[in-house]
C-alpha atoms as a PDB file:
ATOM      1  CA  MET A   1     141.542 257.519  46.236  1.00  0.00           C
ATOM      2  CA  THR A   2     137.972 257.940  44.909  1.00  0.00           C
ATOM      3  CA  THR A   3     137.072 261.281  43.444  1.00  0.00           C
ATOM      4  CA  LYS A   4     133.816 261.584  45.180  1.00  0.00           C
ATOM      5  CA  THR A   5     133.751 262.739  48.793  1.00  0.00           C
ATOM      6  CA  PRO A   6     134.158 259.718  50.972  1.00  0.00           C
ATOM      7  CA  ARG A   7     131.475 259.140  53.531  1.00  0.00           C
ATOM      8  CA  ILE A   8     132.280 257.255  56.646  1.00  0.00           C
ATOM      9  CA  ALA A   9     129.912 256.096  59.452  1.00  0.00           C
ATOM     10  CA  PHE A  10     131.481 255.968  62.861  1.00  0.00           C
ATOM     11  CA  ILE A  11     129.584 253.994  65.544  1.00  0.00           C
ATOM     12  CA  ARG A  12     130.426 254.421  69.261  1.00  0.00           C
ATOM     13  CA  ALA A  13     129.282 252.100  71.981  1.00  0.00           C
ATOM     14  CA  ARG A  14     128.213 254.140  74.964  1.00  0.00           C
ATOM     15  CA  TRP A  15     129.516 251.836  77.717  1.00  0.00           C
ATOM     16  CA  HIS A  16     132.803 253.391  78.870  1.00  0.00           C
ATOM     17  CA  ASP A  17     132.162 256.303  76.530  1.00  0.00           C
ATOM     18  CA  ASP A  18     134.984 258.193  78.329  1.00  0.00           C
ATOM     19  CA  ILE A  19     137.424 255.703  76.768  1.00  0.00           C
ATOM     20  CA  VAL A  20     135.520 254.952  73.467  1.00  0.00           C
ATOM     21  CA  ASP A  21     135.157 258.620  72.607  1.00  0.00           C
ATOM     22  CA  ARG A  22     138.976 258.925  72.333  1.00  0.00           C
ATOM     23  CA  ALA A  23     138.945 256.438  69.460  1.00  0.00           C
ATOM     24  CA  HIS A  24     136.565 258.717  67.688  1.00  0.00           C
ATOM     25  CA  GLU A  25     138.761 261.706  68.449  1.00  0.00           C
ATOM     26  CA  GLY A  26     141.841 259.841  67.057  1.00  0.00           C
ATOM     27  CA  PHE A  27     139.950 258.790  64.044  1.00  0.00           C
ATOM     28  CA  LEU A  28     138.667 262.309  63.251  1.00  0.00           C
ATOM     29  CA  THR A  29     142.099 263.922  63.604  1.00  0.00           C
ATOM     30  CA  GLU A  30     143.897 261.290  61.401  1.00  0.00           C
ATOM     31  CA  ALA A  31     141.063 261.248  58.826  1.00  0.00           C
ATOM     32  CA  THR A  32     141.326 265.007  58.416  1.00  0.00           C
ATOM     33  CA  ARG A  33     145.012 264.422  57.483  1.00  0.00           C
ATOM     34  CA  LEU A  34     144.699 261.317  55.443  1.00  0.00           C
ATOM     35  CA  ILE A  35     141.263 261.633  53.868  1.00  0.00           C
ATOM     36  CA  PRO A  36     140.761 265.315  53.360  1.00  0.00           C
ATOM     37  CA  GLY A  37     137.276 266.307  52.814  1.00  0.00           C
ATOM     38  CA  ALA A  38     135.757 263.082  54.161  1.00  0.00           C
ATOM     39  CA  GLU A  39     132.384 263.357  55.749  1.00  0.00           C
ATOM     40  CA  VAL A  40     132.150 261.343  59.000  1.00  0.00           C
ATOM     41  CA  GLU A  41     128.729 260.826  60.407  1.00  0.00           C
ATOM     42  CA  THR A  42     128.655 259.533  64.127  1.00  0.00           C
ATOM     43  CA  PHE A  43     126.004 257.098  65.519  1.00  0.00           C
ATOM     44  CA  ASP A  44     125.644 255.950  69.010  1.00  0.00           C
ATOM     45  CA  VAL A  45     124.555 252.579  70.266  1.00  0.00           C
ATOM     46  CA  PRO A  46     124.105 251.288  73.856  1.00  0.00           C
ATOM     47  CA  GLY A  47     126.894 248.743  73.833  1.00  0.00           C
ATOM     48  CA  ALA A  48     129.190 246.630  71.668  1.00  0.00           C
ATOM     49  CA  PHE A  49     126.657 243.947  70.964  1.00  0.00           C
ATOM     50  CA  GLU A  50     124.440 246.466  69.201  1.00  0.00           C
ATOM     51  CA  MET A  51     127.147 247.492  66.734  1.00  0.00           C
ATOM     52  CA  PRO A  52     126.934 244.735  64.138  1.00  0.00           C
ATOM     53  CA  LEU A  53     123.253 245.315  63.495  1.00  0.00           C
ATOM     54  CA  ALA A  54     123.736 249.197  63.349  1.00  0.00           C
ATOM     55  CA  ALA A  55     126.742 248.626  61.055  1.00  0.00           C
ATOM     56  CA  LYS A  56     124.673 246.476  58.703  1.00  0.00           C
ATOM     57  CA  LYS A  57     121.851 248.910  58.465  1.00  0.00           C
ATOM     58  CA  LEU A  58     124.249 251.784  57.766  1.00  0.00           C
ATOM     59  CA  ALA A  59     126.102 249.762  55.136  1.00  0.00           C
ATOM     60  CA  GLN A  60     122.844 248.782  53.436  1.00  0.00           C
ATOM     61  CA  THR A  61     121.817 252.480  52.959  1.00  0.00           C
ATOM     62  CA  GLY A  62     124.536 252.771  50.180  1.00  0.00           C
ATOM     63  CA  ARG A  63     125.421 256.138  51.670  1.00  0.00           C
ATOM     64  CA  PHE A  64     128.724 255.118  53.315  1.00  0.00           C
ATOM     65  CA  ASP A  65     132.076 253.997  51.777  1.00  0.00           C
ATOM     66  CA  ALA A  66     133.180 252.498  55.127  1.00  0.00           C
ATOM     67  CA  VAL A  67     131.831 251.841  58.561  1.00  0.00           C
ATOM     68  CA  VAL A  68     134.046 251.990  61.844  1.00  0.00           C
ATOM     69  CA  ALA A  69     132.754 250.774  65.070  1.00  0.00           C
ATOM     70  CA  ALA A  70     134.377 251.312  68.518  1.00  0.00           C
ATOM     71  CA  ALA A  71     133.731 249.780  71.764  1.00  0.00           C
ATOM     72  CA  PHE A  72     135.506 248.814  75.034  1.00  0.00           C
ATOM     73  CA  VAL A  73     134.311 245.404  76.297  1.00  0.00           C
ATOM     74  CA  VAL A  74     135.359 244.597  79.845  1.00  0.00           C
ATOM     75  CA  ASP A  75     134.865 241.715  82.209  1.00  0.00           C
ATOM     76  CA  GLY A  76     132.028 242.789  84.539  1.00  0.00           C
ATOM     77  CA  GLY A  77     132.239 239.587  86.540  1.00  0.00           C
ATOM     78  CA  ILE A  78     128.832 238.384  85.293  1.00  0.00           C
ATOM     79  CA  TYR A  79     129.380 237.104  81.758  1.00  0.00           C
ATOM     80  CA  ARG A  80     132.210 236.122  79.445  1.00  0.00           C
ATOM     81  CA  HIS A  81     133.347 239.297  77.868  1.00  0.00           C
ATOM     82  CA  ASP A  82     135.520 237.455  75.446  1.00  0.00           C
ATOM     83  CA  PHE A  83     132.373 235.785  74.070  1.00  0.00           C
ATOM     84  CA  VAL A  84     130.800 239.228  73.554  1.00  0.00           C
ATOM     85  CA  ALA A  85     133.906 240.724  71.989  1.00  0.00           C
ATOM     86  CA  GLY A  86     134.314 237.748  69.670  1.00  0.00           C
ATOM     87  CA  ALA A  87     130.599 237.890  68.552  1.00  0.00           C
ATOM     88  CA  VAL A  88     130.914 241.605  67.901  1.00  0.00           C
ATOM     89  CA  VAL A  89     134.123 241.386  65.790  1.00  0.00           C
ATOM     90  CA  THR A  90     132.677 238.425  63.902  1.00  0.00           C
ATOM     91  CA  GLY A  91     129.382 240.244  63.412  1.00  0.00           C
ATOM     92  CA  LEU A  92     131.293 243.388  61.987  1.00  0.00           C
ATOM     93  CA  MET A  93     133.422 241.166  59.706  1.00  0.00           C
ATOM     94  CA  ASN A  94     130.245 239.504  58.363  1.00  0.00           C
ATOM     95  CA  VAL A  95     128.668 242.962  57.666  1.00  0.00           C
ATOM     96  CA  GLY A  96     131.579 243.806  55.352  1.00  0.00           C
ATOM     97  CA  LEU A  97     131.428 240.467  53.652  1.00  0.00           C
ATOM     98  CA  GLU A  98     127.744 240.612  53.175  1.00  0.00           C
ATOM     99  CA  THR A  99     127.400 244.270  51.940  1.00  0.00           C
ATOM    100  CA  GLY A 100     130.735 244.969  50.280  1.00  0.00           C
ATOM    101  CA  VAL A 101     131.151 247.974  52.552  1.00  0.00           C
ATOM    102  CA  PRO A 102     134.390 247.798  54.611  1.00  0.00           C
ATOM    103  CA  CYS A 103     133.540 247.478  58.246  1.00  0.00           C
ATOM    104  CA  LEU A 104     136.401 248.054  60.741  1.00  0.00           C
ATOM    105  CA  SER A 105     136.580 247.467  64.476  1.00  0.00           C
ATOM    106  CA  VAL A 106     138.167 249.484  67.086  1.00  0.00           C
ATOM    107  CA  SER A 107     136.864 247.180  69.761  1.00  0.00           C
ATOM    108  CA  LEU A 108     139.233 246.259  72.589  1.00  0.00           C
ATOM    109  CA  THR A 109     138.820 243.659  75.233  1.00  0.00           C
ATOM    110  CA  PRO A 110     141.392 243.949  78.173  1.00  0.00           C
ATOM    111  CA  HIS A 111     141.919 240.935  80.390  1.00  0.00           C
ATOM    112  CA  ASN A 112     142.187 242.814  83.571  1.00  0.00           C
ATOM    113  CA  TYR A 113     140.570 246.192  83.494  1.00  0.00           C
ATOM    114  CA  GLN A 114     139.689 247.936  86.755  1.00  0.00           C
ATOM    115  CA  PRO A 115     138.365 251.573  86.670  1.00  0.00           C
ATOM    116  CA  VAL A 116     141.446 253.109  88.286  1.00  0.00           C
ATOM    117  CA  ASP A 117     143.193 256.149  86.968  1.00  0.00           C
ATOM    118  CA  VAL A 118     146.320 254.599  85.681  1.00  0.00           C
ATOM    119  CA  LEU A 119     144.420 251.912  83.580  1.00  0.00           C
ATOM    120  CA  THR A 120     141.782 254.251  82.423  1.00  0.00           C
ATOM    121  CA  ASP A 121     144.426 256.783  81.293  1.00  0.00           C
ATOM    122  CA  PHE A 122     146.234 254.027  79.512  1.00  0.00           C
ATOM    123  CA  TYR A 123     143.216 252.876  77.514  1.00  0.00           C
ATOM    124  CA  ARG A 124     142.161 256.525  76.850  1.00  0.00           C
ATOM    125  CA  ASP A 125     145.597 257.065  75.283  1.00  0.00           C
ATOM    126  CA  HIS A 126     145.515 253.667  73.466  1.00  0.00           C
ATOM    127  CA  PHE A 127     142.077 254.309  71.936  1.00  0.00           C
ATOM    128  CA  VAL A 128     143.344 257.558  70.383  1.00  0.00           C
ATOM    129  CA  LYS A 129     146.026 255.545  68.584  1.00  0.00           C
ATOM    130  CA  LYS A 130     143.602 252.768  67.609  1.00  0.00           C
ATOM    131  CA  GLY A 131     141.229 255.350  66.199  1.00  0.00           C
ATOM    132  CA  ALA A 132     144.081 256.868  64.066  1.00  0.00           C
ATOM    133  CA  GLU A 133     145.015 253.427  62.921  1.00  0.00           C
ATOM    134  CA  ALA A 134     141.440 252.943  61.702  1.00  0.00           C
ATOM    135  CA  ALA A 135     141.616 256.086  59.675  1.00  0.00           C
ATOM    136  CA  SER A 136     144.706 254.888  58.046  1.00  0.00           C
ATOM    137  CA  ALA A 137     142.997 251.557  57.257  1.00  0.00           C
ATOM    138  CA  VAL A 138     139.936 253.262  55.799  1.00  0.00           C
ATOM    139  CA  ARG A 139     142.236 255.337  53.552  1.00  0.00           C
ATOM    140  CA  GLN A 140     144.006 252.234  52.385  1.00  0.00           C
ATOM    141  CA  LEU A 141     140.610 250.438  51.631  1.00  0.00           C
ATOM    142  CA  LEU A 142     139.287 253.463  49.844  1.00  0.00           C
ATOM    143  CA  ASP A 143     142.584 253.457  47.707  1.00  0.00           C
ATOM    144  CA  LEU A 144     142.090 249.694  46.999  1.00  0.00           C
ATOM    145  CA  GLU A 145     138.505 250.177  46.093  1.00  0.00           C
ATOM    146  CA  THR A 146     139.594 252.862  43.489  1.00  0.00           C
ATOM    147  CA  ARG A 147     142.239 250.565  42.090  1.00  0.00           C
ATOM    148  CA  LEU A 148     139.805 247.623  41.689  1.00  0.00           C
ATOM    149  CA  ALA A 149     137.289 249.875  39.980  1.00  0.00           C
ATOM    150  CA  GLY A 150     140.054 250.588  37.334  1.00  0.00           C
END
């Protein structure tokens, strides 16, 4: 891993923040274990659709070694949530390709979410796991960057 202190930006969409914030918790817990000393700075945006632009602006600062973005995009009965989710994930991928800063998504799009306790609890727990997986992915990407730098 790089010898400098890794800096990571974590973007949280505020729609369904009770679920999304669990990804942040899982990320921080696992990052503490896998990336000791990493500095994680948190940024909030209104919803998932705003994440790619925020990620691009953060990546362009040169301050961050990775950007992680978390959202929970559900079918609200008005628009095609799968279209929004696809645009967000593609946007985040493009940020990484354009800036060279790894940009990871912890954005999930369930097919049939209803705000009932059993489903909400399931996704809260699931987001903890996904946040931890994102921390592992960041660690792997930092290690790869070190290897590529020779």
